[in-house]
Every structure is written in structure tokens, then in C-alpha cells.
Amino acid sequence: MNSETDKTVDYVAHNPPIIFFDGVCGLCNRFVDLILRIDAKGVFKFAPIQGETAKQLLPPLSEAPQEWSMFYLDERGIYERSAAFLEVYRRLGGAWWFLSLLRLLPRGARDFVYRTVAQNRYRWFGQRDTCRIPSPEEQYRFLP
């Protein structure tokens, strides 16, 4: 194991799962809003891909934002693209768990759809000038 992997493994052994999202993406922020509403137990933490937590725990990202992916980190590992999205729904449980069954589709097909949306997300869903600033009530759920 390298030191980068050691840091990530150590983190997930002692902390809640993290959803890493593009902090300036309109679609990504809507997804975060949805999970905040659904996740009444406060299972998930959130961190912008542009933040310090992402720099410490994720592999280096491309310089091109359209190549970025959503990441999900829990005790089982790091997930990206469609797998991250589906793992979040699996972890939510209840009726949301059924969405995670999309993982039965071939990963290549899922990731093709994911990449198409990701590459067009700013154009289709808008882009903020700065990363999301959580409300005082949400502050404890967000990492830098």
C-alpha cells in the first residue's frame, strides 16, 4: 500500500462516508440537496472536489472539469462515476435502494451515460461562480 492509500483507508475506518461533488455544478448541487433531504440520519458527509478534503483523500484529478467525476468514499473503498451514484442509493436503503439495482446494467453502458451528462452538466444545469456554501444547519455535514 502506498501512503495515499494508507491515508484513505485510515480515514474511512474512523469516519462517515463522503460524497465528493463538483461544488460549482448545478446538477451536482441538486443531487447534494436531494441527499440532504433524504438522509435524515446524517449518514453522509459532503466535500467539494475543489476542496482540501478531496486533495487529501482522492487521486489527482484532471485539469479539465468536464472530465471530473462524482466520488463516493466509504469503508469499502472509493467509487467513481455511475458506481458512486449507485453506491449512495444502496447505502440510503429503503425505496432508494431499488435505484442501486441499476448496477446490474453493464458498467460501460452506465458510465457512457454518466460521462455524457458529466461533460454537458454546466451547459444543461448551470454553473455557479463559487463552490456551494452550506447553510448554518448544514455546516456540520460538509468538509472543506
N, C-alpha and C. Protein backbone atom coordinates (compact mmCIF):
# COMPACT_ATOMS: atom_id res chain seq x y z
N MET A 1 0.84 -1.19 0.00
CA MET A 1 0.00 0.00 0.00
C MET A 1 0.88 1.24 0.00
N ASN A 2 0.47 2.26 -0.77
CA ASN A 2 1.23 3.49 -0.75
C ASN A 2 0.66 4.43 0.31
N SER A 3 1.35 5.52 0.59
CA SER A 3 0.92 6.44 1.65
C SER A 3 -0.43 7.07 1.35
N GLU A 4 -0.74 7.30 0.06
CA GLU A 4 -2.04 7.87 -0.34
C GLU A 4 -3.16 6.91 0.03
N THR A 5 -2.98 5.64 -0.27
CA THR A 5 -3.97 4.62 0.05
C THR A 5 -4.09 4.46 1.56
N ASP A 6 -2.97 4.50 2.27
CA ASP A 6 -2.98 4.39 3.73
C ASP A 6 -3.82 5.50 4.36
N LYS A 7 -3.67 6.73 3.87
CA LYS A 7 -4.46 7.86 4.39
C LYS A 7 -5.94 7.62 4.20
N THR A 8 -6.31 7.16 3.02
CA THR A 8 -7.72 6.95 2.70
C THR A 8 -8.28 5.82 3.56
N VAL A 9 -7.58 4.71 3.66
CA VAL A 9 -8.03 3.58 4.47
C VAL A 9 -8.19 4.01 5.92
N ASP A 10 -7.22 4.74 6.45
CA ASP A 10 -7.28 5.21 7.83
C ASP A 10 -8.48 6.14 8.03
N TYR A 11 -8.74 7.00 7.06
CA TYR A 11 -9.87 7.92 7.19
C TYR A 11 -11.19 7.16 7.27
N VAL A 12 -11.43 6.27 6.33
CA VAL A 12 -12.73 5.60 6.28
C VAL A 12 -12.95 4.65 7.45
N ALA A 13 -11.89 4.20 8.06
CA ALA A 13 -12.03 3.32 9.23
C ALA A 13 -12.60 4.07 10.43
N HIS A 14 -12.48 5.40 10.45
CA HIS A 14 -12.87 6.18 11.62
C HIS A 14 -13.88 7.28 11.34
N ASN A 15 -14.40 7.37 10.12
CA ASN A 15 -15.27 8.49 9.76
C ASN A 15 -16.44 8.03 8.90
N PRO A 16 -17.47 8.87 8.82
CA PRO A 16 -18.61 8.52 7.96
C PRO A 16 -18.26 8.61 6.48
N PRO A 17 -19.09 7.99 5.63
CA PRO A 17 -18.84 8.06 4.19
C PRO A 17 -18.94 9.50 3.67
N ILE A 18 -18.20 9.76 2.60
CA ILE A 18 -18.16 11.10 2.00
C ILE A 18 -18.61 11.02 0.55
N ILE A 19 -19.47 11.97 0.17
CA ILE A 19 -19.84 12.17 -1.23
C ILE A 19 -19.04 13.37 -1.71
N PHE A 20 -18.16 13.16 -2.68
CA PHE A 20 -17.38 14.24 -3.28
C PHE A 20 -18.11 14.70 -4.53
N PHE A 21 -18.34 15.99 -4.64
CA PHE A 21 -19.12 16.53 -5.76
C PHE A 21 -18.46 17.79 -6.29
N ASP A 22 -18.78 18.15 -7.53
CA ASP A 22 -18.29 19.39 -8.14
C ASP A 22 -19.06 20.54 -7.49
N GLY A 23 -18.37 21.31 -6.69
CA GLY A 23 -19.01 22.37 -5.90
C GLY A 23 -19.64 23.50 -6.69
N VAL A 24 -19.28 23.65 -7.96
CA VAL A 24 -19.85 24.74 -8.77
C VAL A 24 -20.89 24.23 -9.77
N CYS A 25 -21.13 22.95 -9.81
CA CYS A 25 -22.06 22.35 -10.78
C CYS A 25 -23.49 22.40 -10.26
N GLY A 26 -24.40 22.92 -11.09
CA GLY A 26 -25.80 22.99 -10.70
C GLY A 26 -26.41 21.62 -10.46
N LEU A 27 -26.16 20.67 -11.34
CA LEU A 27 -26.69 19.32 -11.18
C LEU A 27 -26.14 18.67 -9.92
N CYS A 28 -24.85 18.78 -9.70
CA CYS A 28 -24.22 18.17 -8.53
C CYS A 28 -24.79 18.74 -7.23
N ASN A 29 -25.01 20.05 -7.20
CA ASN A 29 -25.58 20.66 -6.01
C ASN A 29 -27.02 20.25 -5.80
N ARG A 30 -27.77 20.01 -6.86
CA ARG A 30 -29.14 19.50 -6.71
C ARG A 30 -29.12 18.08 -6.14
N PHE A 31 -28.15 17.29 -6.58
CA PHE A 31 -28.02 15.94 -6.02
C PHE A 31 -27.71 16.02 -4.53
N VAL A 32 -26.81 16.91 -4.14
CA VAL A 32 -26.49 17.09 -2.72
C VAL A 32 -27.74 17.52 -1.96
N ASP A 33 -28.51 18.46 -2.50
CA ASP A 33 -29.76 18.88 -1.85
C ASP A 33 -30.71 17.69 -1.64
N LEU A 34 -30.83 16.85 -2.65
CA LEU A 34 -31.69 15.67 -2.55
C LEU A 34 -31.21 14.75 -1.43
N ILE A 35 -29.94 14.45 -1.40
CA ILE A 35 -29.41 13.54 -0.38
C ILE A 35 -29.55 14.16 1.01
N LEU A 36 -29.34 15.44 1.14
CA LEU A 36 -29.54 16.10 2.44
C LEU A 36 -30.98 15.92 2.93
N ARG A 37 -31.95 16.02 2.02
CA ARG A 37 -33.36 15.83 2.40
C ARG A 37 -33.67 14.38 2.77
N ILE A 38 -33.11 13.44 2.00
CA ILE A 38 -33.39 12.02 2.19
C ILE A 38 -32.66 11.45 3.41
N ASP A 39 -31.44 11.85 3.60
CA ASP A 39 -30.55 11.28 4.62
C ASP A 39 -30.82 11.89 5.99
N ALA A 40 -31.98 11.59 6.54
CA ALA A 40 -32.39 12.16 7.82
C ALA A 40 -31.48 11.73 8.97
N LYS A 41 -30.84 10.57 8.84
CA LYS A 41 -29.95 10.07 9.89
C LYS A 41 -28.57 10.72 9.84
N GLY A 42 -28.29 11.48 8.80
CA GLY A 42 -26.99 12.14 8.68
C GLY A 42 -25.84 11.17 8.43
N VAL A 43 -26.09 10.14 7.63
CA VAL A 43 -25.08 9.13 7.34
C VAL A 43 -23.91 9.72 6.55
N PHE A 44 -24.21 10.60 5.59
CA PHE A 44 -23.19 11.08 4.66
C PHE A 44 -22.62 12.44 5.05
N LYS A 45 -21.34 12.60 4.74
CA LYS A 45 -20.69 13.91 4.75
C LYS A 45 -20.49 14.28 3.28
N PHE A 46 -20.27 15.56 3.02
CA PHE A 46 -20.10 16.05 1.66
C PHE A 46 -18.83 16.88 1.59
N ALA A 47 -18.16 16.80 0.44
CA ALA A 47 -16.95 17.60 0.23
C ALA A 47 -16.86 17.97 -1.24
N PRO A 48 -16.59 19.24 -1.53
CA PRO A 48 -16.41 19.62 -2.94
C PRO A 48 -15.10 19.04 -3.48
N ILE A 49 -15.14 18.66 -4.74
CA ILE A 49 -13.94 18.14 -5.40
C ILE A 49 -12.82 19.19 -5.38
N GLN A 50 -13.21 20.46 -5.35
CA GLN A 50 -12.24 21.54 -5.37
C GLN A 50 -11.61 21.78 -3.99
N GLY A 51 -12.05 21.07 -2.96
CA GLY A 51 -11.64 21.35 -1.60
C GLY A 51 -10.42 20.57 -1.11
N GLU A 52 -10.03 20.89 0.11
CA GLU A 52 -8.85 20.28 0.73
C GLU A 52 -9.06 18.80 1.04
N THR A 53 -10.25 18.42 1.46
CA THR A 53 -10.51 17.02 1.78
C THR A 53 -10.31 16.15 0.54
N ALA A 54 -10.81 16.62 -0.60
CA ALA A 54 -10.62 15.88 -1.86
C ALA A 54 -9.15 15.76 -2.21
N LYS A 55 -8.41 16.84 -2.03
CA LYS A 55 -6.97 16.80 -2.35
C LYS A 55 -6.24 15.80 -1.48
N GLN A 56 -6.71 15.62 -0.24
CA GLN A 56 -6.05 14.70 0.68
C GLN A 56 -6.45 13.24 0.45
N LEU A 57 -7.70 13.00 0.05
CA LEU A 57 -8.21 11.62 0.03
C LEU A 57 -8.45 11.01 -1.34
N LEU A 58 -8.52 11.84 -2.38
CA LEU A 58 -8.79 11.31 -3.72
C LEU A 58 -7.53 11.29 -4.57
N PRO A 59 -7.53 10.45 -5.60
CA PRO A 59 -6.41 10.50 -6.55
C PRO A 59 -6.42 11.85 -7.26
N PRO A 60 -5.30 12.27 -7.82
CA PRO A 60 -5.26 13.55 -8.54
C PRO A 60 -6.30 13.61 -9.65
N LEU A 61 -6.92 14.78 -9.81
CA LEU A 61 -7.95 14.97 -10.83
C LEU A 61 -7.38 15.64 -12.07
N SER A 62 -8.07 15.45 -13.17
CA SER A 62 -7.72 16.11 -14.42
C SER A 62 -7.83 17.62 -14.26
N GLU A 63 -7.10 18.35 -15.06
CA GLU A 63 -7.21 19.81 -15.07
C GLU A 63 -8.52 20.26 -15.72
N ALA A 64 -9.15 19.39 -16.49
CA ALA A 64 -10.38 19.72 -17.23
C ALA A 64 -11.60 19.32 -16.40
N PRO A 65 -12.38 20.28 -15.89
CA PRO A 65 -13.55 19.96 -15.06
C PRO A 65 -14.56 19.04 -15.74
N GLN A 66 -14.68 19.10 -17.06
CA GLN A 66 -15.64 18.23 -17.74
C GLN A 66 -15.25 16.76 -17.63
N GLU A 67 -14.03 16.48 -17.23
CA GLU A 67 -13.56 15.10 -17.03
C GLU A 67 -13.78 14.62 -15.60
N TRP A 68 -14.15 15.53 -14.71
CA TRP A 68 -14.32 15.15 -13.30
C TRP A 68 -15.50 14.23 -13.12
N SER A 69 -15.44 13.50 -12.04
CA SER A 69 -16.48 12.55 -11.70
C SER A 69 -16.92 12.78 -10.27
N MET A 70 -18.12 12.34 -9.97
CA MET A 70 -18.53 12.27 -8.58
C MET A 70 -17.78 11.09 -7.96
N PHE A 71 -17.36 11.23 -6.72
CA PHE A 71 -16.71 10.15 -5.98
C PHE A 71 -17.48 9.89 -4.71
N TYR A 72 -17.44 8.65 -4.29
CA TYR A 72 -18.04 8.25 -3.03
C TYR A 72 -17.01 7.41 -2.30
N LEU A 73 -16.76 7.73 -1.05
CA LEU A 73 -15.74 7.05 -0.26
C LEU A 73 -16.39 6.50 1.01
N ASP A 74 -16.26 5.20 1.19
CA ASP A 74 -16.73 4.59 2.43
C ASP A 74 -15.75 3.49 2.85
N GLU A 75 -16.13 2.72 3.84
CA GLU A 75 -15.24 1.69 4.37
C GLU A 75 -14.92 0.60 3.35
N ARG A 76 -15.67 0.54 2.27
CA ARG A 76 -15.43 -0.48 1.23
C ARG A 76 -14.52 0.04 0.12
N GLY A 77 -14.25 1.34 0.08
CA GLY A 77 -13.36 1.87 -0.94
C GLY A 77 -13.84 3.16 -1.57
N ILE A 78 -13.21 3.51 -2.69
CA ILE A 78 -13.55 4.71 -3.45
C ILE A 78 -14.31 4.28 -4.70
N TYR A 79 -15.44 4.91 -4.93
CA TYR A 79 -16.25 4.66 -6.11
C TYR A 79 -16.30 5.94 -6.93
N GLU A 80 -16.36 5.79 -8.25
CA GLU A 80 -16.50 6.97 -9.09
C GLU A 80 -17.52 6.71 -10.19
N ARG A 81 -17.88 7.79 -10.87
CA ARG A 81 -18.86 7.77 -11.96
C ARG A 81 -20.16 7.11 -11.50
N SER A 82 -20.73 6.27 -12.34
CA SER A 82 -22.04 5.69 -12.03
C SER A 82 -21.99 4.81 -10.78
N ALA A 83 -20.87 4.16 -10.53
CA ALA A 83 -20.75 3.32 -9.34
C ALA A 83 -20.90 4.14 -8.06
N ALA A 84 -20.38 5.37 -8.05
CA ALA A 84 -20.51 6.24 -6.87
C ALA A 84 -21.96 6.59 -6.63
N PHE A 85 -22.62 7.01 -7.67
CA PHE A 85 -24.02 7.39 -7.60
C PHE A 85 -24.87 6.23 -7.08
N LEU A 86 -24.66 5.04 -7.62
CA LEU A 86 -25.44 3.86 -7.25
C LEU A 86 -25.11 3.38 -5.83
N GLU A 87 -23.87 3.53 -5.41
CA GLU A 87 -23.49 3.15 -4.05
C GLU A 87 -24.17 4.04 -3.02
N VAL A 88 -24.32 5.31 -3.34
CA VAL A 88 -25.03 6.23 -2.42
C VAL A 88 -26.46 5.74 -2.23
N TYR A 89 -27.13 5.40 -3.31
CA TYR A 89 -28.51 4.91 -3.20
C TYR A 89 -28.58 3.58 -2.46
N ARG A 90 -27.59 2.72 -2.68
CA ARG A 90 -27.55 1.45 -1.94
C ARG A 90 -27.47 1.72 -0.45
N ARG A 91 -26.60 2.66 -0.07
CA ARG A 91 -26.38 2.97 1.34
C ARG A 91 -27.59 3.64 1.97
N LEU A 92 -28.35 4.41 1.20
CA LEU A 92 -29.55 5.06 1.73
C LEU A 92 -30.60 4.04 2.16
N GLY A 93 -30.66 2.93 1.44
CA GLY A 93 -31.62 1.90 1.79
C GLY A 93 -33.05 2.30 1.46
N GLY A 94 -33.99 1.59 2.04
CA GLY A 94 -35.40 1.86 1.80
C GLY A 94 -35.72 1.77 0.32
N ALA A 95 -36.68 2.57 -0.10
CA ALA A 95 -37.10 2.59 -1.50
C ALA A 95 -35.96 3.06 -2.41
N TRP A 96 -35.06 3.86 -1.89
CA TRP A 96 -33.93 4.36 -2.70
C TRP A 96 -33.01 3.24 -3.11
N TRP A 97 -32.97 2.18 -2.33
CA TRP A 97 -32.11 1.04 -2.64
C TRP A 97 -32.41 0.48 -4.03
N PHE A 98 -33.68 0.54 -4.45
CA PHE A 98 -34.05 0.00 -5.76
C PHE A 98 -33.30 0.68 -6.90
N LEU A 99 -33.00 1.96 -6.76
CA LEU A 99 -32.20 2.63 -7.79
C LEU A 99 -30.81 2.01 -7.92
N SER A 100 -30.31 1.49 -6.82
CA SER A 100 -28.98 0.89 -6.87
C SER A 100 -28.95 -0.37 -7.73
N LEU A 101 -30.12 -0.94 -8.04
CA LEU A 101 -30.17 -2.12 -8.90
C LEU A 101 -29.73 -1.82 -10.33
N LEU A 102 -29.64 -0.54 -10.66
CA LEU A 102 -29.10 -0.17 -11.98
C LEU A 102 -27.66 -0.65 -12.13
N ARG A 103 -27.04 -1.01 -11.01
CA ARG A 103 -25.67 -1.54 -11.08
C ARG A 103 -25.62 -2.87 -11.83
N LEU A 104 -26.78 -3.49 -12.02
CA LEU A 104 -26.83 -4.75 -12.78
C LEU A 104 -26.64 -4.51 -14.28
N LEU A 105 -26.82 -3.27 -14.72
CA LEU A 105 -26.55 -2.93 -16.12
C LEU A 105 -25.04 -2.95 -16.34
N PRO A 106 -24.58 -3.22 -17.54
CA PRO A 106 -23.13 -3.21 -17.80
C PRO A 106 -22.51 -1.85 -17.44
N ARG A 107 -21.39 -1.91 -16.73
CA ARG A 107 -20.72 -0.69 -16.27
C ARG A 107 -20.38 0.24 -17.43
N GLY A 108 -19.95 -0.31 -18.55
CA GLY A 108 -19.61 0.52 -19.72
C GLY A 108 -20.78 1.35 -20.19
N ALA A 109 -21.97 0.76 -20.21
CA ALA A 109 -23.18 1.49 -20.63
C ALA A 109 -23.54 2.55 -19.60
N ARG A 110 -23.49 2.17 -18.32
CA ARG A 110 -23.79 3.14 -17.25
C ARG A 110 -22.83 4.33 -17.31
N ASP A 111 -21.54 4.03 -17.44
CA ASP A 111 -20.54 5.10 -17.44
C ASP A 111 -20.61 5.94 -18.71
N PHE A 112 -21.04 5.36 -19.82
CA PHE A 112 -21.23 6.16 -21.04
C PHE A 112 -22.29 7.23 -20.80
N VAL A 113 -23.41 6.84 -20.22
CA VAL A 113 -24.49 7.81 -19.91
C VAL A 113 -23.97 8.82 -18.89
N TYR A 114 -23.28 8.34 -17.86
CA TYR A 114 -22.73 9.24 -16.84
C TYR A 114 -21.80 10.27 -17.47
N ARG A 115 -20.85 9.81 -18.30
CA ARG A 115 -19.88 10.72 -18.93
C ARG A 115 -20.57 11.74 -19.84
N THR A 116 -21.60 11.30 -20.56
CA THR A 116 -22.33 12.23 -21.44
C THR A 116 -22.96 13.35 -20.64
N VAL A 117 -23.61 13.00 -19.53
CA VAL A 117 -24.22 14.02 -18.67
C VAL A 117 -23.13 14.88 -18.03
N ALA A 118 -22.07 14.24 -17.52
CA ALA A 118 -21.00 14.97 -16.85
C ALA A 118 -20.32 15.99 -17.78
N GLN A 119 -20.11 15.61 -19.03
CA GLN A 119 -19.43 16.51 -19.97
C GLN A 119 -20.32 17.68 -20.37
N ASN A 120 -21.61 17.56 -20.18
CA ASN A 120 -22.55 18.63 -20.57
C ASN A 120 -23.23 19.29 -19.37
N ARG A 121 -22.83 18.93 -18.17
CA ARG A 121 -23.56 19.37 -16.98
C ARG A 121 -23.61 20.88 -16.81
N TYR A 122 -22.54 21.59 -17.10
CA TYR A 122 -22.56 23.04 -16.94
C TYR A 122 -23.53 23.68 -17.93
N ARG A 123 -23.52 23.19 -19.15
CA ARG A 123 -24.39 23.74 -20.18
C ARG A 123 -25.86 23.42 -19.89
N TRP A 124 -26.14 22.20 -19.47
CA TRP A 124 -27.52 21.77 -19.25
C TRP A 124 -28.09 22.21 -17.91
N PHE A 125 -27.26 22.29 -16.85
CA PHE A 125 -27.77 22.53 -15.50
C PHE A 125 -27.20 23.77 -14.83
N GLY A 126 -26.30 24.45 -15.51
CA GLY A 126 -25.74 25.69 -14.96
C GLY A 126 -24.48 25.46 -14.14
N GLN A 127 -23.81 26.58 -13.90
CA GLN A 127 -22.56 26.57 -13.14
C GLN A 127 -22.54 27.78 -12.23
N ARG A 128 -22.13 27.58 -11.00
CA ARG A 128 -22.00 28.67 -10.03
C ARG A 128 -20.63 29.32 -10.17
N ASP A 129 -20.52 30.53 -9.67
CA ASP A 129 -19.23 31.22 -9.70
C ASP A 129 -18.28 30.70 -8.62
N THR A 130 -18.85 30.23 -7.51
CA THR A 130 -18.05 29.71 -6.40
C THR A 130 -18.66 28.41 -5.90
N CYS A 131 -17.90 27.70 -5.10
CA CYS A 131 -18.41 26.46 -4.51
C CYS A 131 -19.57 26.76 -3.56
N ARG A 132 -20.38 25.78 -3.40
CA ARG A 132 -21.53 25.83 -2.50
C ARG A 132 -21.10 26.24 -1.09
N ILE A 133 -21.87 27.12 -0.48
CA ILE A 133 -21.66 27.48 0.91
C ILE A 133 -22.83 26.91 1.70
N PRO A 134 -22.55 25.94 2.58
CA PRO A 134 -23.65 25.31 3.31
C PRO A 134 -24.31 26.29 4.28
N SER A 135 -25.59 26.07 4.51
CA SER A 135 -26.32 26.88 5.50
C SER A 135 -25.79 26.52 6.89
N PRO A 136 -26.07 27.35 7.89
CA PRO A 136 -25.62 27.02 9.25
C PRO A 136 -26.11 25.64 9.71
N GLU A 137 -27.32 25.25 9.29
CA GLU A 137 -27.87 23.95 9.68
C GLU A 137 -27.13 22.80 9.00
N GLU A 138 -26.58 23.06 7.82
CA GLU A 138 -25.89 22.02 7.05
C GLU A 138 -24.41 21.94 7.34
N GLN A 139 -23.87 22.96 7.97
CA GLN A 139 -22.42 23.12 8.12
C GLN A 139 -21.72 21.86 8.64
N TYR A 140 -22.29 21.18 9.61
CA TYR A 140 -21.63 20.01 10.18
C TYR A 140 -21.54 18.83 9.21
N ARG A 141 -22.30 18.86 8.14
CA ARG A 141 -22.31 17.77 7.16
C ARG A 141 -21.25 17.96 6.07
N PHE A 142 -20.63 19.14 6.01
CA PHE A 142 -19.69 19.47 4.93
C PHE A 142 -18.26 19.54 5.43
N LEU A 143 -17.39 19.04 4.59
CA LEU A 143 -15.95 19.06 4.86
C LEU A 143 -15.30 20.07 3.93
N PRO A 144 -14.18 20.62 4.33
CA PRO A 144 -13.52 21.64 3.48
C PRO A 144 -13.00 21.07 2.17
